[in-house]
Every structure is written in C-alpha cells, then in structure tokens.
Amino acid sequence: MSLFEIVLANCIRARSQQDKQPHRVDTDLPTTRAMITRLAAVAALFAISILALDTAGERYERQLATNAVAATRQ
C-alpha cells in the first residue's frame, strides 16, 4: 500500500467510528452568548487599537511641530 492509501483508509475508518456515535447538534455550534462575547472582545480590541494609533499619531505630529520650530530658531 502506498502512503496515500494508508492515510485514506485511516480517514475512512475514523469517519465510520465517528458515525457510530450519537451526534448532538448543539455541540458543534457556539451559543449565542459565546458569539456575543467574542464579538464584544473583537470590538474592544479594535477600539483599543484605534485609540493607541491615534495617540501615537498625535505624539508624532507634536514631535514634528516641535522639531520644525526648533529648526527655524537655529
């Protein structure tokens, strides 16, 4: 047997073993509360990222303005 045939046979055997067990639909799908929690976490992370980038941008603009004033005084 080639390696491909062995892997294919193992997949078929695992699938047949899985089919023999009773299947519950609610174990595959995440609950509504879990989805809302994940969505809230992603939204919070996105907001924090925007806040951090905005703060960094303001500091960079302030630094550029300070350097420009210092350059004109020389």
Protein backbone atom coordinates (compact mmCIF):
# COMPACT_ATOMS: atom_id res chain seq x y z
CA MET A 1 0.00 0.00 0.00
CA SER A 2 1.17 3.47 -0.71
CA LEU A 3 1.21 6.17 1.92
CA PHE A 4 -1.82 7.83 0.34
CA GLU A 5 -3.86 4.62 0.55
CA ILE A 6 -2.95 4.16 4.22
CA VAL A 7 -3.99 7.72 5.08
CA LEU A 8 -7.21 7.36 3.11
CA ALA A 9 -8.05 4.08 4.88
CA ASN A 10 -7.40 5.68 8.28
CA CYS A 11 -9.67 8.60 7.40
CA ILE A 12 -12.45 6.26 6.30
CA ARG A 13 -12.10 4.15 9.44
CA ALA A 14 -12.13 7.24 11.69
CA ARG A 15 -15.18 8.59 9.90
CA SER A 16 -17.07 5.31 10.31
CA GLN A 17 -16.20 5.25 14.02
CA GLN A 18 -17.42 8.82 14.34
CA ASP A 19 -20.70 8.00 12.59
CA LYS A 20 -21.48 5.24 15.09
CA GLN A 21 -21.56 7.72 17.98
CA PRO A 22 -24.75 9.75 18.53
CA HIS A 23 -24.37 13.26 17.21
CA ARG A 24 -25.58 16.32 19.09
CA VAL A 25 -26.19 19.41 17.02
CA ASP A 26 -25.64 21.87 19.85
CA THR A 27 -22.08 20.69 20.47
CA ASP A 28 -20.89 21.98 17.09
CA LEU A 29 -22.44 25.40 17.07
CA PRO A 30 -21.34 28.04 19.56
CA THR A 31 -24.07 29.51 21.70
CA THR A 32 -25.44 32.98 21.19
CA ARG A 33 -23.83 34.20 24.39
CA ALA A 34 -20.42 32.94 23.25
CA MET A 35 -20.81 34.67 19.90
CA ILE A 36 -21.81 37.95 21.54
CA THR A 37 -18.87 37.68 23.94
CA ARG A 38 -16.44 37.09 21.07
CA LEU A 39 -17.92 39.97 19.10
CA ALA A 40 -17.61 42.28 22.10
CA ALA A 41 -13.99 41.22 22.64
CA VAL A 42 -13.14 41.90 19.00
CA ALA A 43 -14.87 45.29 19.13
CA ALA A 44 -12.98 46.23 22.31
CA LEU A 45 -9.67 45.16 20.81
CA PHE A 46 -10.43 47.16 17.66
CA ALA A 47 -11.32 50.26 19.71
CA ILE A 48 -8.14 49.97 21.80
CA SER A 49 -6.06 49.60 18.63
CA ILE A 50 -7.61 52.72 17.12
CA LEU A 51 -7.05 54.66 20.35
CA ALA A 52 -3.40 53.58 20.52
CA LEU A 53 -2.76 54.50 16.88
CA ASP A 54 -4.50 57.85 17.31
CA THR A 55 -2.40 58.66 20.39
CA ALA A 56 0.79 57.67 18.60
CA GLY A 57 -0.18 59.84 15.64
CA GLU A 58 -0.80 62.86 17.86
CA ARG A 59 2.58 62.41 19.56
CA TYR A 60 4.28 62.12 16.18
CA GLU A 61 2.59 65.31 14.92
CA ARG A 62 3.59 67.13 18.11
CA GLN A 63 7.19 65.95 17.69
CA LEU A 64 7.25 67.12 14.07
CA ALA A 65 5.91 70.53 15.08
CA THR A 66 8.49 70.85 17.86
CA ASN A 67 11.32 69.89 15.52
CA ALA A 68 10.10 72.36 12.89
CA VAL A 69 10.05 75.22 15.42
CA ALA A 70 13.49 74.24 16.71
CA ALA A 71 14.86 74.12 13.16
CA THR A 72 13.66 77.66 12.40
CA ARG A 73 15.38 79.04 15.52
CA GLN A 74 18.81 77.76 14.53
